């Protein structure tokens, strides 16, 4: 990845974190608890026109490991 792109991404992420602090607090709480195999993750996006998009997944052992790694990255961003 281009270092300048990485810097722009870091800046954009910092702005997102400032605009939506509860989202990162939520992620921190979930990652501190862990996301063991068999957990269900659901994502819902509702557009301004009311259209909903929803998906979910049941975590596998490799998913749990990946979410653990993501949690480590998030902890370093504090």
N, C-alpha and C. Protein backbone atom coordinates (compact mmCIF):
# COMPACT_ATOMS: atom_id res chain seq x y z
N UNK A 1 0.85 -1.18 0.00
CA UNK A 1 0.00 0.00 0.00
C UNK A 1 0.89 1.24 0.00
N UNK A 2 0.49 2.23 -0.75
CA UNK A 2 1.18 3.50 -0.83
C UNK A 2 1.16 4.18 0.54
N UNK A 3 2.32 4.65 1.05
CA UNK A 3 2.36 5.30 2.36
C UNK A 3 1.42 6.52 2.47
N UNK A 4 1.26 7.25 1.37
CA UNK A 4 0.37 8.41 1.39
C UNK A 4 -1.09 7.98 1.53
N UNK A 5 -1.45 6.87 0.89
CA UNK A 5 -2.80 6.34 1.04
C UNK A 5 -3.03 5.91 2.48
N UNK A 6 -2.02 5.30 3.07
CA UNK A 6 -2.12 4.87 4.46
C UNK A 6 -2.33 6.06 5.40
N UNK A 7 -1.61 7.15 5.14
CA UNK A 7 -1.78 8.36 5.95
C UNK A 7 -3.18 8.95 5.79
N UNK A 8 -3.68 8.96 4.54
CA UNK A 8 -5.04 9.47 4.30
C UNK A 8 -6.08 8.59 5.00
N UNK A 9 -5.87 7.29 4.93
CA UNK A 9 -6.78 6.36 5.59
C UNK A 9 -6.77 6.57 7.11
N UNK A 10 -5.58 6.75 7.67
CA UNK A 10 -5.47 6.99 9.11
C UNK A 10 -6.20 8.28 9.50
N UNK A 11 -6.05 9.31 8.69
CA UNK A 11 -6.73 10.58 8.95
C UNK A 11 -8.25 10.43 8.84
N UNK A 12 -8.70 9.73 7.81
CA UNK A 12 -10.14 9.53 7.63
C UNK A 12 -10.71 8.70 8.78
N UNK A 13 -9.97 7.68 9.21
CA UNK A 13 -10.42 6.85 10.31
C UNK A 13 -10.49 7.65 11.61
N UNK A 14 -9.54 8.54 11.81
CA UNK A 14 -9.55 9.40 12.98
C UNK A 14 -10.79 10.30 12.98
N UNK A 15 -11.14 10.85 11.82
CA UNK A 15 -12.34 11.68 11.71
C UNK A 15 -13.60 10.88 11.96
N UNK A 16 -13.63 9.63 11.43
CA UNK A 16 -14.79 8.75 11.66
C UNK A 16 -14.92 8.45 13.15
N UNK A 17 -13.80 8.19 13.79
CA UNK A 17 -13.79 7.88 15.23
C UNK A 17 -14.32 9.07 16.04
N UNK A 18 -13.95 10.28 15.64
CA UNK A 18 -14.43 11.48 16.33
C UNK A 18 -15.93 11.67 16.11
N UNK A 19 -16.39 11.42 14.89
CA UNK A 19 -17.81 11.61 14.56
C UNK A 19 -18.71 10.54 15.16
N UNK A 20 -18.16 9.34 15.38
CA UNK A 20 -18.97 8.21 15.83
C UNK A 20 -18.30 7.48 17.00
N UNK A 21 -18.08 8.14 18.12
CA UNK A 21 -17.33 7.53 19.23
C UNK A 21 -18.02 6.29 19.81
N UNK A 22 -19.33 6.22 19.77
CA UNK A 22 -20.03 5.07 20.33
C UNK A 22 -19.75 3.80 19.54
N UNK A 23 -19.51 3.94 18.23
CA UNK A 23 -19.22 2.78 17.40
C UNK A 23 -17.92 2.11 17.85
N UNK A 24 -16.89 2.90 18.08
CA UNK A 24 -15.61 2.34 18.51
C UNK A 24 -15.69 1.82 19.94
N UNK A 25 -16.48 2.48 20.77
CA UNK A 25 -16.70 1.97 22.13
C UNK A 25 -17.36 0.61 22.08
N UNK A 26 -18.35 0.45 21.20
CA UNK A 26 -19.02 -0.82 21.01
C UNK A 26 -18.03 -1.89 20.55
N UNK A 27 -17.23 -1.57 19.53
CA UNK A 27 -16.24 -2.53 19.03
C UNK A 27 -15.24 -2.92 20.12
N UNK A 28 -14.83 -1.96 20.90
CA UNK A 28 -13.87 -2.23 21.99
C UNK A 28 -14.49 -3.20 23.00
N UNK A 29 -15.74 -2.96 23.37
CA UNK A 29 -16.42 -3.83 24.33
C UNK A 29 -16.53 -5.26 23.80
N UNK A 30 -16.91 -5.38 22.54
CA UNK A 30 -17.06 -6.71 21.94
C UNK A 30 -15.72 -7.42 21.86
N UNK A 31 -14.68 -6.71 21.40
CA UNK A 31 -13.39 -7.37 21.23
C UNK A 31 -12.75 -7.71 22.57
N UNK A 32 -13.01 -6.92 23.61
CA UNK A 32 -12.47 -7.24 24.93
C UNK A 32 -13.10 -8.53 25.47
N UNK A 33 -14.35 -8.74 25.15
CA UNK A 33 -15.04 -9.97 25.56
C UNK A 33 -14.67 -11.15 24.71
N UNK A 34 -14.30 -10.88 23.49
CA UNK A 34 -13.99 -11.94 22.54
C UNK A 34 -15.22 -12.31 21.74
N UNK A 35 -15.00 -13.02 20.68
CA UNK A 35 -16.08 -13.43 19.79
C UNK A 35 -15.88 -14.92 19.51
N UNK A 36 -16.27 -15.76 20.45
CA UNK A 36 -15.98 -17.19 20.33
C UNK A 36 -16.73 -17.85 19.17
N UNK A 37 -16.22 -18.99 18.78
CA UNK A 37 -16.85 -19.78 17.73
C UNK A 37 -18.31 -20.01 18.09
N UNK A 38 -19.19 -19.88 17.10
CA UNK A 38 -20.62 -20.07 17.32
C UNK A 38 -21.37 -18.78 17.60
N UNK A 39 -20.64 -17.67 17.76
CA UNK A 39 -21.30 -16.37 17.94
C UNK A 39 -21.97 -15.98 16.63
N UNK A 40 -23.05 -15.21 16.71
CA UNK A 40 -23.73 -14.73 15.51
C UNK A 40 -23.47 -13.23 15.39
N UNK A 41 -22.97 -12.82 14.23
CA UNK A 41 -22.71 -11.41 13.93
C UNK A 41 -23.73 -10.99 12.89
N UNK A 42 -24.45 -9.90 13.18
CA UNK A 42 -25.45 -9.41 12.24
C UNK A 42 -25.15 -7.96 11.91
N UNK A 43 -25.27 -7.62 10.64
CA UNK A 43 -25.05 -6.25 10.17
C UNK A 43 -26.31 -5.81 9.44
N UNK A 44 -26.81 -4.63 9.82
CA UNK A 44 -27.99 -4.05 9.17
C UNK A 44 -27.64 -2.64 8.71
N UNK A 45 -27.96 -2.37 7.47
CA UNK A 45 -27.79 -1.03 6.91
C UNK A 45 -29.15 -0.57 6.40
N UNK A 46 -29.61 0.57 6.91
CA UNK A 46 -30.87 1.15 6.47
C UNK A 46 -30.57 2.45 5.73
N UNK A 47 -30.93 2.49 4.47
CA UNK A 47 -30.70 3.68 3.65
C UNK A 47 -31.74 4.75 3.97
N UNK A 48 -31.47 6.02 3.61
CA UNK A 48 -32.43 7.09 3.89
C UNK A 48 -33.82 6.83 3.31
N UNK A 49 -33.89 6.07 2.21
CA UNK A 49 -35.21 5.80 1.61
C UNK A 49 -35.93 4.64 2.30
N UNK A 50 -35.33 4.10 3.38
CA UNK A 50 -35.97 3.04 4.15
C UNK A 50 -35.58 1.63 3.73
N UNK A 51 -34.85 1.48 2.65
CA UNK A 51 -34.42 0.16 2.19
C UNK A 51 -33.43 -0.43 3.19
N UNK A 52 -33.69 -1.68 3.58
CA UNK A 52 -32.82 -2.38 4.53
C UNK A 52 -31.98 -3.44 3.84
N UNK A 53 -30.75 -3.56 4.28
CA UNK A 53 -29.87 -4.65 3.88
C UNK A 53 -29.39 -5.30 5.16
N UNK A 54 -29.60 -6.60 5.29
CA UNK A 54 -29.25 -7.31 6.52
C UNK A 54 -28.54 -8.60 6.15
N UNK A 55 -27.48 -8.90 6.88
CA UNK A 55 -26.82 -10.18 6.73
C UNK A 55 -26.31 -10.63 8.09
N UNK A 56 -26.07 -11.93 8.23
CA UNK A 56 -25.49 -12.42 9.46
C UNK A 56 -24.61 -13.62 9.17
N UNK A 57 -23.78 -13.95 10.13
CA UNK A 57 -22.93 -15.12 10.01
C UNK A 57 -22.70 -15.72 11.38
N UNK A 58 -22.49 -17.02 11.41
CA UNK A 58 -22.12 -17.70 12.64
C UNK A 58 -20.61 -17.93 12.57
N UNK A 59 -19.90 -17.48 13.60
CA UNK A 59 -18.45 -17.52 13.55
C UNK A 59 -17.89 -18.94 13.66
N UNK A 60 -16.80 -19.13 12.93
CA UNK A 60 -16.03 -20.37 13.00
C UNK A 60 -14.81 -20.11 13.87
N UNK A 61 -14.03 -21.13 14.12
CA UNK A 61 -12.80 -20.97 14.91
C UNK A 61 -11.85 -19.98 14.24
N UNK A 62 -11.72 -20.07 12.90
CA UNK A 62 -10.82 -19.14 12.20
C UNK A 62 -11.37 -17.71 12.23
N UNK A 63 -12.69 -17.56 12.20
CA UNK A 63 -13.29 -16.22 12.34
C UNK A 63 -12.96 -15.64 13.70
N UNK A 64 -13.09 -16.46 14.74
CA UNK A 64 -12.81 -16.01 16.11
C UNK A 64 -11.36 -15.53 16.21
N UNK A 65 -10.45 -16.25 15.57
CA UNK A 65 -9.04 -15.85 15.57
C UNK A 65 -8.85 -14.52 14.84
N UNK A 66 -9.51 -14.37 13.68
CA UNK A 66 -9.42 -13.13 12.92
C UNK A 66 -9.95 -11.94 13.73
N UNK A 67 -11.11 -12.11 14.36
CA UNK A 67 -11.66 -11.02 15.17
C UNK A 67 -10.75 -10.69 16.35
N UNK A 68 -10.08 -11.69 16.88
CA UNK A 68 -9.10 -11.43 17.95
C UNK A 68 -7.96 -10.57 17.45
N UNK A 69 -7.48 -10.86 16.24
CA UNK A 69 -6.41 -10.06 15.64
C UNK A 69 -6.88 -8.64 15.37
N UNK A 70 -8.11 -8.49 14.88
CA UNK A 70 -8.67 -7.15 14.65
C UNK A 70 -8.77 -6.40 15.97
N UNK A 71 -9.16 -7.09 17.03
CA UNK A 71 -9.24 -6.47 18.34
C UNK A 71 -7.89 -5.95 18.81
N UNK A 72 -6.84 -6.71 18.54
CA UNK A 72 -5.49 -6.26 18.90
C UNK A 72 -5.13 -4.98 18.16
N UNK A 73 -5.48 -4.90 16.88
CA UNK A 73 -5.21 -3.70 16.09
C UNK A 73 -5.99 -2.51 16.66
N UNK A 74 -7.27 -2.73 16.98
CA UNK A 74 -8.09 -1.65 17.53
C UNK A 74 -7.54 -1.15 18.86
N UNK A 75 -7.04 -2.06 19.67
CA UNK A 75 -6.47 -1.65 20.96
C UNK A 75 -5.24 -0.76 20.78
N UNK A 76 -4.48 -0.98 19.71
CA UNK A 76 -3.29 -0.15 19.47
C UNK A 76 -3.67 1.23 18.95
N UNK A 77 -4.92 1.39 18.49
CA UNK A 77 -5.37 2.68 17.93
C UNK A 77 -5.90 3.63 19.00
N UNK A 78 -5.92 3.23 20.22
CA UNK A 78 -6.50 4.09 21.27
C UNK A 78 -5.75 5.35 21.46
